[in-house]
Protein backbone atom coordinates (compact mmCIF):
# COMPACT_ATOMS: atom_id res chain seq x y z
CA MET A 1 113.54 83.76 98.12
CA ALA A 2 114.39 86.95 99.29
CA THR A 3 112.57 90.11 98.10
CA THR A 4 114.27 91.89 94.99
CA LYS A 5 115.39 95.64 95.48
CA GLU A 6 113.49 96.24 92.30
CA TYR A 7 110.21 94.70 93.96
CA ARG A 8 110.90 97.14 97.10
CA ASP A 9 111.49 100.30 95.10
CA PHE A 10 108.23 99.52 93.22
CA VAL A 11 106.24 99.00 96.42
CA LEU A 12 108.13 102.33 97.88
CA GLU A 13 107.07 104.37 94.72
CA GLN A 14 103.62 103.19 94.85
CA LEU A 15 103.57 104.32 98.71
CA ASN A 16 105.22 107.64 97.94
CA SER A 17 101.95 109.99 98.97
CA LEU A 18 102.59 108.82 102.39
CA ASP A 19 105.64 110.99 103.28
CA THR A 20 106.79 109.11 106.29
CA ILE A 21 107.36 105.90 105.03
CA THR A 22 110.58 104.34 105.93
CA CYS A 23 112.11 100.29 105.37
CA LYS A 24 114.44 98.36 107.08
CA SER A 25 116.34 95.41 105.69
CA MET A 26 115.99 92.92 107.85
CA MET A 27 117.39 89.51 106.50
CA GLY A 28 116.88 89.61 103.13
CA GLU A 29 113.31 91.21 103.58
CA TYR A 30 112.01 94.51 104.13
CA LEU A 31 110.16 96.05 107.13
CA LEU A 32 107.55 98.77 106.79
CA TYR A 33 106.96 101.48 108.79
CA TYR A 34 104.30 104.65 108.82
CA ASN A 35 105.12 107.58 111.20
CA GLY A 36 107.23 104.98 113.25
CA ILE A 37 104.37 102.34 113.38
CA LEU A 38 105.31 98.80 111.87
CA PHE A 39 102.26 98.16 109.84
CA GLY A 40 103.54 95.31 107.27
CA GLY A 41 106.21 94.29 105.16
CA ILE A 42 107.69 92.95 101.97
CA TYR A 43 108.38 88.99 102.25
CA ASP A 44 109.31 87.15 98.82
CA ASP A 45 108.19 89.79 96.88
CA ARG A 46 104.86 89.91 98.53
CA LEU A 47 103.33 93.03 100.40
CA LEU A 48 101.92 91.71 103.53
CA VAL A 49 99.99 94.10 106.05
CA LYS A 50 99.26 93.14 110.01
CA ILE A 51 95.80 91.89 110.50
CA VAL A 52 93.57 94.67 112.43
CA ASP A 53 89.87 95.17 112.45
CA SER A 54 89.86 98.27 110.41
CA ASN A 55 91.69 96.50 107.74
CA LYS A 56 89.30 93.62 107.29
CA LYS A 57 86.82 95.35 104.96
CA TYR A 58 89.51 95.14 102.08
CA ASN A 59 88.86 91.52 102.03
CA MET A 60 92.29 90.45 101.81
CA ARG A 61 93.38 87.06 102.04
CA GLU A 62 95.83 85.73 104.94
CA SER A 63 99.45 84.90 104.14
CA ILE A 64 102.54 83.71 106.48
CA PRO A 65 105.03 85.63 106.00
CA TYR A 66 107.53 83.34 106.76
CA GLU A 67 107.70 79.76 109.08
CA SER A 68 106.23 80.02 112.18
CA ALA A 69 105.16 83.84 111.54
CA LYS A 70 101.62 85.15 112.55
CA PRO A 71 99.31 85.53 109.74
CA MET A 72 99.15 88.63 107.50
CA TYR A 73 96.90 90.06 104.77
CA LEU A 74 98.55 90.00 101.54
CA VAL A 75 97.99 93.11 99.45
CA ASP A 76 97.45 91.81 95.80
CA ASP A 77 96.38 95.34 94.42
CA VAL A 78 99.73 96.88 94.98
CA ASP A 79 99.29 98.74 91.16
CA ASN A 80 96.72 101.20 92.68
CA PRO A 81 98.40 103.46 94.82
CA GLU A 82 95.23 104.91 96.11
CA THR A 83 93.85 101.84 97.59
CA LEU A 84 97.25 101.15 99.20
CA ARG A 85 97.57 104.25 101.04
CA ASP A 86 93.86 103.72 102.38
CA ILE A 87 94.87 100.11 103.32
CA VAL A 88 98.17 101.45 105.30
CA LEU A 89 96.23 104.57 106.86
CA ASP A 90 93.40 102.15 108.04
CA THR A 91 96.20 99.65 109.02
CA CYS A 92 97.92 102.41 111.14
CA LYS A 93 95.06 103.64 112.63
CA ASP A 94 94.36 100.64 115.02
CA LEU A 95 97.82 99.94 115.44
CA SER A 96 98.19 103.53 116.75
CA ILE A 97 95.66 102.72 119.23
CA LYS A 98 97.22 99.64 120.51
CA LYS A 99 100.90 101.52 120.98
């Protein structure tokens, strides 16, 4: 099942406090970038972020975005823009160090 444009638009609206969020379509799903850093994506109407040390404190559960992919964290609380912003910033903090 591919992600709906309505869900994509909802997630992007929730992330609008982060000015440099970009979204790229990829085979019916969407990859999400912050300041050019790939931090997660929207898969089957689910927001998932990469697993890094700095986002473990949110106690998100692991989920597989698609068959044979590495596990990612499922963001259940997409209705809370402040928490969502913090998750993205913490995730990208660790990813920018690795870059």
